N, C-alpha and C. Protein backbone atom coordinates (compact mmCIF):
# COMPACT_ATOMS: atom_id res chain seq x y z
N ASP A 1 -18.59 -1.40 7.19
CA ASP A 1 -19.01 -0.71 7.80
C ASP A 1 -20.16 -0.50 8.56
N TYR A 2 -20.14 -1.07 9.93
CA TYR A 2 -21.25 -1.80 10.42
C TYR A 2 -22.50 -0.53 10.60
N ASN A 3 -22.05 0.77 10.81
CA ASN A 3 -23.08 1.76 10.95
C ASN A 3 -23.90 1.90 9.70
N SER A 4 -23.26 1.81 8.79
CA SER A 4 -23.80 2.15 7.51
C SER A 4 -24.76 0.70 7.14
N ALA A 5 -24.22 -0.52 7.40
CA ALA A 5 -25.19 -1.67 7.54
C ALA A 5 -26.40 -1.64 8.33
N ILE A 6 -26.26 -1.15 9.30
CA ILE A 6 -27.33 -1.24 10.36
C ILE A 6 -28.65 0.15 9.67
N LEU A 7 -27.79 1.22 9.33
CA LEU A 7 -28.84 2.19 8.69
C LEU A 7 -29.46 1.57 7.34
N LEU A 8 -28.99 0.80 6.63
CA LEU A 8 -29.49 0.50 5.54
C LEU A 8 -30.58 -0.76 5.93
N ALA A 9 -30.23 -1.69 6.69
CA ALA A 9 -31.12 -2.71 7.34
C ALA A 9 -32.75 -2.04 7.83
N ALA A 10 -32.32 -0.48 8.53
CA ALA A 10 -33.60 -0.20 9.01
C ALA A 10 -34.32 0.29 7.88
N ILE A 11 -33.66 1.10 6.95
CA ILE A 11 -34.20 2.02 5.78
C ILE A 11 -34.78 0.37 4.70
N VAL A 12 -34.32 -0.32 4.51
CA VAL A 12 -34.85 -1.40 3.88
C VAL A 12 -35.98 -2.11 4.40
N GLY A 13 -36.22 -2.16 6.02
CA GLY A 13 -37.26 -3.29 6.38
C GLY A 13 -38.24 -2.12 6.62
N ALA A 14 -37.68 -0.76 6.76
CA ALA A 14 -39.42 0.55 6.74
C ALA A 14 -39.95 0.55 5.51
N CYS A 15 -38.92 0.23 4.00
CA CYS A 15 -39.49 0.09 2.60
C CYS A 15 -40.34 -0.98 2.73
N ALA A 16 -39.99 -2.20 3.09
CA ALA A 16 -40.35 -3.58 3.04
C ALA A 16 -41.49 -3.86 3.59
N GLY A 17 -41.94 -2.76 4.83
CA GLY A 17 -43.06 -2.57 5.33
C GLY A 17 -44.07 -1.83 4.58
N PHE A 18 -43.56 -0.92 3.98
CA PHE A 18 -44.06 0.27 2.92
C PHE A 18 -44.99 -0.13 2.09
N ILE A 19 -43.91 -1.13 1.06
CA ILE A 19 -44.60 -1.14 -0.14
C ILE A 19 -45.67 -2.19 -0.37
N PRO A 20 -46.16 -2.98 0.39
CA PRO A 20 -47.47 -3.47 0.25
C PRO A 20 -48.25 -2.80 0.50
N TYR A 21 -48.54 -1.98 1.00
CA TYR A 21 -49.66 -1.01 1.09
C TYR A 21 -49.73 0.09 0.38
N ASN A 22 -48.45 0.12 -0.50
CA ASN A 22 -48.35 1.40 -2.02
C ASN A 22 -48.96 0.60 -3.00
N PHE A 23 -48.68 -0.69 -3.01
CA PHE A 23 -49.48 -1.14 -4.26
C PHE A 23 -50.62 -0.39 -4.68
N ASN A 24 -51.26 -0.40 -6.00
CA ASN A 24 -52.69 -0.35 -6.49
C ASN A 24 -53.70 -1.18 -6.23
N PRO A 25 -54.68 -1.17 -5.45
CA PRO A 25 -55.04 0.85 -5.13
C PRO A 25 -54.35 0.98 -3.58
N ALA A 26 -53.47 1.92 -3.69
CA ALA A 26 -52.55 2.33 -2.79
C ALA A 26 -53.31 2.92 -1.26
N LYS A 27 -52.97 2.11 -0.07
CA LYS A 27 -53.95 2.61 1.10
C LYS A 27 -52.63 3.85 1.76
N ILE A 28 -51.62 3.91 1.65
CA ILE A 28 -50.98 5.04 2.29
C ILE A 28 -49.79 5.19 1.09
N PHE A 29 -49.56 6.72 1.22
CA PHE A 29 -49.08 7.38 0.15
C PHE A 29 -47.60 7.78 1.10
N MET A 30 -46.57 7.73 0.51
CA MET A 30 -45.00 8.28 1.25
C MET A 30 -45.33 9.71 1.42
N GLY A 31 -45.77 10.50 0.42
CA GLY A 31 -45.53 11.89 0.41
C GLY A 31 -43.90 12.72 0.35
N ASP A 32 -44.17 13.88 0.45
CA ASP A 32 -43.31 14.75 -0.39
C ASP A 32 -41.88 14.88 0.85
N THR A 33 -42.54 14.24 2.35
CA THR A 33 -41.50 14.56 3.51
C THR A 33 -40.88 13.11 3.73
N GLY A 34 -41.85 12.13 3.24
CA GLY A 34 -41.01 10.64 3.31
C GLY A 34 -40.17 10.51 2.17
N SER A 35 -40.41 11.06 0.93
CA SER A 35 -39.22 10.29 0.06
C SER A 35 -38.25 11.80 0.11
N THR A 36 -38.44 12.70 0.59
CA THR A 36 -37.13 13.44 0.97
C THR A 36 -35.95 12.80 1.90
N PHE A 37 -37.05 12.48 2.93
CA PHE A 37 -35.88 11.35 4.06
C PHE A 37 -35.45 10.29 3.82
N LEU A 38 -36.29 9.94 2.65
CA LEU A 38 -35.53 8.60 2.32
C LEU A 38 -34.51 8.90 1.34
N GLY A 39 -34.61 10.32 0.38
CA GLY A 39 -33.34 10.33 -0.50
C GLY A 39 -32.24 10.94 0.25
N PHE A 40 -32.58 11.73 1.18
CA PHE A 40 -31.45 11.92 2.34
C PHE A 40 -30.70 11.03 2.91
N MET A 41 -31.40 10.20 3.39
CA MET A 41 -30.51 8.85 3.95
C MET A 41 -30.16 7.84 2.93
N LEU A 42 -30.58 7.82 1.88
CA LEU A 42 -29.80 7.40 0.69
C LEU A 42 -28.49 7.55 0.29
N SER A 43 -28.44 9.01 -0.14
CA SER A 43 -27.51 9.83 -0.45
C SER A 43 -26.10 10.27 0.67
N SER A 44 -27.00 10.41 1.64
CA SER A 44 -25.73 10.29 2.91
C SER A 44 -25.07 9.31 3.59
N ILE A 45 -25.70 8.11 3.08
CA ILE A 45 -25.25 6.48 3.45
C ILE A 45 -24.05 6.46 2.18
N SER A 46 -24.52 6.79 1.25
CA SER A 46 -23.55 6.41 0.13
C SER A 46 -22.43 7.40 0.38
N ILE A 47 -22.66 8.29 0.78
CA ILE A 47 -21.47 9.47 0.91
C ILE A 47 -20.39 8.83 1.76
N TYR A 48 -20.90 8.52 3.30
CA TYR A 48 -20.47 8.08 4.17
C TYR A 48 -20.25 6.33 4.19
N GLY A 49 -20.67 5.67 3.87
CA GLY A 49 -20.50 4.50 3.25
C GLY A 49 -19.11 4.05 2.90
N LEU A 50 -19.32 2.75 2.33
CA LEU A 50 -18.01 2.24 1.69
C LEU A 50 -17.42 2.89 0.40
N PHE A 51 -18.28 3.65 -0.47
CA PHE A 51 -18.06 4.33 -1.66
C PHE A 51 -17.16 5.45 -1.23
N LYS A 52 -16.97 5.81 -0.03
CA LYS A 52 -16.20 6.93 0.16
C LYS A 52 -14.50 6.68 -0.16
N MET A 53 -14.31 5.60 -0.55
CA MET A 53 -12.80 5.20 -0.65
C MET A 53 -12.52 5.42 -2.25
N TYR A 54 -13.58 5.31 -3.26
CA TYR A 54 -13.07 5.62 -4.55
C TYR A 54 -14.37 6.33 -5.14
N ALA A 55 -13.33 7.24 -5.14
CA ALA A 55 -14.43 8.74 -6.05
C ALA A 55 -14.96 8.46 -7.19
N ILE A 56 -14.95 7.72 -8.06
CA ILE A 56 -15.23 7.48 -9.16
C ILE A 56 -16.46 6.65 -9.04
N ILE A 57 -16.34 5.85 -8.56
CA ILE A 57 -17.61 4.93 -8.06
C ILE A 57 -18.85 5.84 -7.21
N SER A 58 -18.05 6.25 -6.27
CA SER A 58 -19.16 7.48 -5.29
C SER A 58 -19.88 8.37 -5.95
N PHE A 59 -19.61 8.57 -7.21
CA PHE A 59 -19.78 9.52 -8.21
C PHE A 59 -21.01 9.07 -8.98
N ALA A 60 -20.36 7.68 -9.65
CA ALA A 60 -21.21 7.02 -10.54
C ALA A 60 -22.68 5.91 -10.11
N VAL A 61 -21.90 5.87 -8.98
CA VAL A 61 -23.08 4.91 -8.48
C VAL A 61 -24.92 5.08 -8.10
N PRO A 62 -24.62 6.11 -7.28
CA PRO A 62 -26.03 6.71 -6.57
C PRO A 62 -26.63 7.34 -8.28
N PHE A 63 -26.10 7.84 -9.31
CA PHE A 63 -26.44 8.06 -10.22
C PHE A 63 -27.15 6.68 -11.40
N LEU A 64 -26.61 5.75 -10.75
CA LEU A 64 -27.37 4.49 -11.76
C LEU A 64 -28.11 4.05 -10.96
N VAL A 65 -28.04 4.09 -9.63
CA VAL A 65 -29.06 3.64 -8.52
C VAL A 65 -30.50 4.30 -8.96
N LEU A 66 -30.50 5.61 -8.98
CA LEU A 66 -31.85 6.63 -8.99
C LEU A 66 -31.79 7.28 -10.58
N GLY A 67 -31.22 6.40 -11.48
CA GLY A 67 -31.23 6.49 -12.92
C GLY A 67 -32.57 7.26 -13.43
N LEU A 68 -33.48 6.46 -13.38
CA LEU A 68 -35.16 6.27 -13.99
C LEU A 68 -35.54 8.08 -13.13
N PRO A 69 -35.48 7.98 -11.90
CA PRO A 69 -36.22 9.52 -11.38
C PRO A 69 -35.46 10.77 -11.91
N ILE A 70 -33.99 10.64 -12.05
CA ILE A 70 -33.01 11.60 -12.30
C ILE A 70 -33.43 11.92 -13.69
N PHE A 71 -33.25 11.03 -14.66
CA PHE A 71 -33.75 10.92 -16.13
C PHE A 71 -35.25 11.86 -16.34
N ASP A 72 -36.23 11.15 -15.42
CA ASP A 72 -37.63 11.76 -15.57
C ASP A 72 -37.86 13.08 -15.38
N ILE A 73 -36.80 13.44 -13.66
CA ILE A 73 -37.25 14.88 -14.05
C ILE A 73 -36.43 15.62 -14.50
N CYS A 74 -35.05 15.32 -15.42
CA CYS A 74 -34.21 15.95 -15.96
C CYS A 74 -35.13 16.27 -17.26
N PHE A 75 -35.69 15.12 -18.02
CA PHE A 75 -36.30 15.41 -19.15
C PHE A 75 -37.88 16.28 -18.78
N ALA A 76 -38.28 16.18 -17.89
CA ALA A 76 -39.56 17.07 -17.58
C ALA A 76 -39.23 18.55 -17.45
N VAL A 77 -38.18 18.85 -16.86
CA VAL A 77 -37.83 20.31 -16.76
C VAL A 77 -37.41 20.55 -18.24
N ILE A 78 -36.62 19.90 -18.93
CA ILE A 78 -35.89 20.14 -20.50
C ILE A 78 -37.56 20.40 -21.19
N ARG A 79 -38.51 19.39 -21.01
CA ARG A 79 -39.54 19.58 -21.89
C ARG A 79 -40.33 20.76 -21.46
N ARG A 80 -40.91 21.23 -20.44
CA ARG A 80 -41.26 22.30 -19.99
C ARG A 80 -40.76 23.42 -20.11
N VAL A 81 -39.48 23.55 -19.90
CA VAL A 81 -38.79 24.88 -20.55
C VAL A 81 -38.69 24.76 -22.16
N SER A 82 -38.44 24.06 -22.74
CA SER A 82 -38.86 24.40 -23.96
C SER A 82 -39.89 24.58 -24.71
N LYS A 83 -41.08 24.27 -24.17
CA LYS A 83 -42.31 24.41 -24.47
C LYS A 83 -42.96 26.13 -24.13
N GLY A 84 -41.68 26.59 -23.51
CA GLY A 84 -41.99 28.07 -22.48
C GLY A 84 -42.99 27.95 -21.22
N GLN A 85 -43.43 26.48 -20.90
CA GLN A 85 -43.76 26.67 -19.55
C GLN A 85 -43.14 26.76 -18.44
N SER A 86 -43.43 26.86 -17.35
CA SER A 86 -42.97 26.61 -16.00
C SER A 86 -42.67 25.06 -15.76
N PRO A 87 -41.49 25.20 -15.49
CA PRO A 87 -40.57 23.68 -14.98
C PRO A 87 -41.80 22.88 -13.87
N MET A 88 -42.69 24.03 -13.18
CA MET A 88 -43.26 23.20 -12.01
C MET A 88 -44.72 22.70 -12.39
N HIS A 89 -44.76 23.09 -14.17
CA HIS A 89 -46.32 23.07 -14.76
C HIS A 89 -46.19 21.15 -14.78
N ALA A 90 -47.57 20.91 -14.49
CA ALA A 90 -47.90 19.71 -14.56
C ALA A 90 -48.36 19.05 -15.82
N ASP A 91 -47.90 17.76 -16.47
CA ASP A 91 -48.43 17.20 -17.56
C ASP A 91 -48.00 15.96 -17.48
N ARG A 92 -48.47 15.31 -18.35
CA ARG A 92 -48.54 13.76 -18.80
C ARG A 92 -47.27 13.42 -19.45
N GLY A 93 -46.10 13.74 -19.30
CA GLY A 93 -45.02 13.27 -20.09
C GLY A 93 -44.20 12.29 -19.15
N HIS A 94 -44.57 12.30 -17.79
CA HIS A 94 -43.67 11.30 -17.12
C HIS A 94 -43.80 10.31 -17.71
N VAL A 95 -42.68 9.35 -16.94
CA VAL A 95 -42.30 7.91 -17.71
C VAL A 95 -43.39 6.94 -17.70
N HIS A 96 -44.33 7.11 -16.33
CA HIS A 96 -45.26 6.17 -16.06
C HIS A 96 -46.35 6.65 -16.72
N HIS A 97 -46.93 8.55 -16.92
CA HIS A 97 -47.87 8.35 -18.02
C HIS A 97 -47.42 7.60 -19.42
N ARG A 98 -46.24 7.98 -20.28
CA ARG A 98 -46.06 7.57 -21.09
C ARG A 98 -46.15 6.14 -21.30
N LEU A 99 -45.83 5.28 -20.45
CA LEU A 99 -46.12 4.02 -20.45
C LEU A 99 -47.64 3.75 -20.51
N ILE A 100 -48.55 4.34 -19.74
CA ILE A 100 -50.04 4.19 -19.54
C ILE A 100 -50.57 4.63 -21.05
N ASP A 101 -50.07 5.45 -21.72
CA ASP A 101 -50.57 5.81 -22.64
C ASP A 101 -50.15 5.21 -23.79
N MET A 102 -49.21 4.24 -23.73
CA MET A 102 -48.50 3.04 -24.68
C MET A 102 -49.66 1.85 -24.90
N GLY A 103 -50.47 2.00 -23.49
CA GLY A 103 -51.34 0.83 -23.35
C GLY A 103 -51.21 -0.30 -22.53
N PHE A 104 -50.12 0.21 -21.72
CA PHE A 104 -49.82 -0.95 -20.48
C PHE A 104 -50.77 -0.23 -19.21
N SER A 105 -51.15 -1.23 -18.54
CA SER A 105 -51.80 -0.78 -17.50
C SER A 105 -51.19 -0.04 -16.11
N GLN A 106 -51.78 0.65 -14.98
CA GLN A 106 -50.84 0.95 -14.70
C GLN A 106 -50.06 -0.16 -13.42
N LYS A 107 -50.50 -0.84 -13.15
CA LYS A 107 -49.64 -1.91 -12.30
C LYS A 107 -48.85 -2.62 -13.34
N GLN A 108 -48.77 -2.39 -14.79
CA GLN A 108 -47.49 -3.07 -15.77
C GLN A 108 -46.45 -1.87 -16.15
N ALA A 109 -47.45 -0.70 -15.77
CA ALA A 109 -46.42 0.19 -16.03
C ALA A 109 -45.56 0.44 -14.90
N VAL A 110 -46.07 0.35 -13.43
CA VAL A 110 -45.07 -0.15 -12.52
C VAL A 110 -44.41 -0.77 -12.33
N ALA A 111 -44.49 -2.01 -12.79
CA ALA A 111 -43.70 -3.10 -12.77
C ALA A 111 -42.53 -2.87 -13.99
N ILE A 112 -42.89 -2.32 -14.89
CA ILE A 112 -41.76 -1.86 -15.76
C ILE A 112 -40.78 -1.08 -15.25
N ALA A 113 -41.56 0.35 -14.44
CA ALA A 113 -40.24 1.01 -13.66
C ALA A 113 -39.71 0.25 -12.52
N TYR A 114 -40.12 -0.65 -11.98
CA TYR A 114 -39.36 -1.76 -10.88
C TYR A 114 -38.22 -2.52 -11.72
N MET A 115 -38.50 -2.99 -13.30
CA MET A 115 -37.64 -3.67 -13.79
C MET A 115 -36.49 -2.58 -14.17
N LEU A 116 -37.01 -1.46 -14.71
CA LEU A 116 -35.75 -0.74 -15.22
C LEU A 116 -34.71 -0.19 -14.00
N THR A 117 -35.51 0.03 -12.65
CA THR A 117 -34.94 0.41 -11.33
C THR A 117 -33.71 -0.90 -11.06
N ALA A 118 -34.48 -2.44 -11.23
CA ALA A 118 -33.76 -3.08 -10.76
C ALA A 118 -32.74 -3.42 -11.96
N ILE A 119 -32.63 -3.30 -12.70
CA ILE A 119 -31.71 -3.43 -13.80
C ILE A 119 -30.47 -2.49 -13.52
N LEU A 120 -30.96 -1.19 -12.90
CA LEU A 120 -29.68 0.11 -13.12
C LEU A 120 -29.12 -0.34 -11.55
N GLY A 121 -29.86 -1.02 -10.83
CA GLY A 121 -29.16 -1.12 -9.87
C GLY A 121 -28.61 -2.14 -9.76
N LEU A 122 -28.64 -3.07 -10.37
CA LEU A 122 -27.75 -4.72 -10.71
C LEU A 122 -26.32 -4.04 -11.54
N ALA A 123 -26.67 -3.04 -12.37
CA ALA A 123 -25.36 -2.12 -13.14
C ALA A 123 -24.77 -1.59 -11.80
N ALA A 124 -25.44 -1.01 -11.27
CA ALA A 124 -24.69 -0.03 -10.03
C ALA A 124 -23.65 -1.06 -9.31
N VAL A 125 -24.14 -2.42 -8.61
CA VAL A 125 -23.49 -3.12 -7.99
C VAL A 125 -22.51 -3.99 -8.77
N LEU A 126 -22.55 -4.08 -10.53
CA LEU A 126 -21.52 -4.46 -10.78
C LEU A 126 -20.46 -3.69 -11.28
N LEU A 127 -20.74 -2.44 -11.53
CA LEU A 127 -20.13 -1.45 -11.90
C LEU A 127 -19.07 -1.21 -10.54
N THR A 128 -19.59 -1.44 -9.32
CA THR A 128 -18.71 -1.83 -8.20
C THR A 128 -17.84 -2.71 -7.79
N LEU A 129 -18.34 -3.79 -8.12
CA LEU A 129 -17.49 -4.75 -8.00
C LEU A 129 -16.64 -4.61 -8.93
N LEU A 130 -16.77 -4.51 -10.19
CA LEU A 130 -15.90 -4.55 -11.28
C LEU A 130 -14.80 -3.71 -11.03
N CYS A 131 -15.05 -2.04 -10.83
CA CYS A 131 -14.35 -1.27 -10.44
C CYS A 131 -13.51 -1.54 -9.02
N CYS A 132 -13.59 -2.04 -8.31
CA CYS A 132 -12.99 -2.62 -7.09
C CYS A 132 -12.00 -3.31 -7.24
N LYS A 133 -12.30 -4.22 -8.02
CA LYS A 133 -11.42 -5.43 -8.30
C LYS A 133 -10.35 -4.66 -9.00
N LEU A 134 -10.86 -3.91 -10.11
CA LEU A 134 -9.38 -3.26 -11.27
C LEU A 134 -8.91 -2.10 -10.44
N LEU A 135 -9.37 -1.65 -9.49
CA LEU A 135 -8.84 0.04 -8.93
C LEU A 135 -7.50 -0.91 -8.06
N LYS A 136 -7.99 -2.35 -7.37
CA LYS A 136 -7.22 -2.96 -6.42
C LYS A 136 -5.62 -3.49 -6.96
N LYS A 137 -6.16 -3.36 -8.23
CA LYS A 137 -4.94 -4.00 -9.28
C LYS A 137 -4.38 -2.78 -10.14
N LYS A 138 -4.65 -1.63 -9.52
CA LYS A 138 -3.97 -0.17 -9.93
C LYS A 138 -4.06 -0.67 -11.66
N VAL A 139 -5.04 -0.37 -11.69
CA VAL A 139 -5.89 0.06 -13.32
C VAL A 139 -6.22 1.27 -13.28
N SER A 140 -5.77 1.93 -14.25
CA SER A 140 -6.30 3.33 -14.94
C SER A 140 -7.99 3.34 -15.05
N PRO A 141 -7.93 4.75 -14.25
CA PRO A 141 -9.45 5.01 -14.31
C PRO A 141 -9.84 5.67 -15.70
N ILE A 142 -8.91 5.58 -16.35
CA ILE A 142 -9.29 5.83 -18.11
C ILE A 142 -9.96 4.85 -18.73
N VAL A 143 -9.24 3.53 -18.46
CA VAL A 143 -9.74 2.39 -18.90
C VAL A 143 -11.03 2.11 -18.22
N ILE A 144 -11.60 2.26 -17.30
CA ILE A 144 -13.01 2.14 -17.03
C ILE A 144 -14.22 3.42 -17.64
N ILE A 145 -13.10 4.02 -17.76
CA ILE A 145 -14.70 5.77 -18.55
C ILE A 145 -14.45 4.90 -20.00
N LEU A 146 -13.57 4.69 -20.31
CA LEU A 146 -13.36 4.37 -22.22
C LEU A 146 -14.35 2.88 -22.33
N ALA A 147 -14.52 2.08 -21.00
CA ALA A 147 -15.35 1.03 -21.03
C ALA A 147 -16.61 1.64 -21.09
N LEU A 148 -16.70 1.97 -20.25
CA LEU A 148 -18.29 3.07 -19.95
C LEU A 148 -18.47 3.73 -21.16
N PHE A 149 -18.03 4.45 -22.04
CA PHE A 149 -18.23 5.01 -23.09
C PHE A 149 -18.40 3.85 -24.19
N ALA A 150 -17.75 3.02 -24.54
CA ALA A 150 -18.10 1.97 -25.00
C ALA A 150 -19.59 1.31 -25.12
N VAL A 151 -19.91 1.01 -23.97
CA VAL A 151 -21.12 0.29 -23.62
C VAL A 151 -22.28 1.20 -24.23
N GLY A 152 -21.79 3.04 -23.72
CA GLY A 152 -22.82 3.89 -24.20
C GLY A 152 -23.13 3.48 -25.72
N ILE A 153 -21.85 3.55 -26.73
CA ILE A 153 -22.04 3.45 -27.85
C ILE A 153 -22.71 2.55 -28.50
N ILE A 154 -22.47 1.22 -27.68
CA ILE A 154 -23.16 -0.21 -28.49
C ILE A 154 -24.85 0.27 -28.06
N GLY A 155 -25.08 0.87 -26.79
CA GLY A 155 -26.41 1.19 -26.36
C GLY A 155 -27.34 1.64 -27.49
N ARG A 156 -26.02 2.97 -28.05
CA ARG A 156 -27.17 3.71 -29.08
C ARG A 156 -26.87 3.02 -30.31
N LEU A 157 -26.08 2.25 -30.72
CA LEU A 157 -26.24 1.47 -32.05
C LEU A 157 -27.42 0.55 -31.93
N LEU A 158 -27.44 0.24 -30.76
CA LEU A 158 -28.53 -0.69 -30.81
C LEU A 158 -29.86 -0.31 -30.49
N GLY A 159 -30.09 0.94 -30.41
CA GLY A 159 -31.37 1.62 -30.41
C GLY A 159 -31.90 1.88 -28.80
N PHE A 160 -31.11 1.68 -28.04
CA PHE A 160 -31.67 1.54 -26.74
C PHE A 160 -31.45 2.78 -25.93
N MET A 161 -30.38 3.73 -26.97
CA MET A 161 -30.50 5.30 -26.03
C MET A 161 -31.12 6.50 -27.15
């Protein structure tokens, strides 16, 4: 899909131009409007783009790609509500604060967050490739769901979850 490719190329170029100025110490900040626009564009393209053909993939891939921020915000809301605080109350329980409190520098904490995001992004690409191959061969989606469930169990047994 050429339209999606052109939009994604423009977004990648804008982000690649922005990132060097956002490293510590940051010279510019994206802010709420920029991050909201970036999220809107990524979600719109993922719905409009190639993933619209396969419903299972179109649901799972954005959650994998955005896994770290989704986990962080969900965990923050649950943590704050369980303490009787407003979900909008500020605290030092976010992933990057916890990494810094564990003894990592700010640059190391950002590098860890980048690595986790890259791993989740790679998992999304591999899932897409795997599912597209399997679905073209008429493999039941239940097999894919069972495989993901097995990966989750193995991760739990190994202490990753």
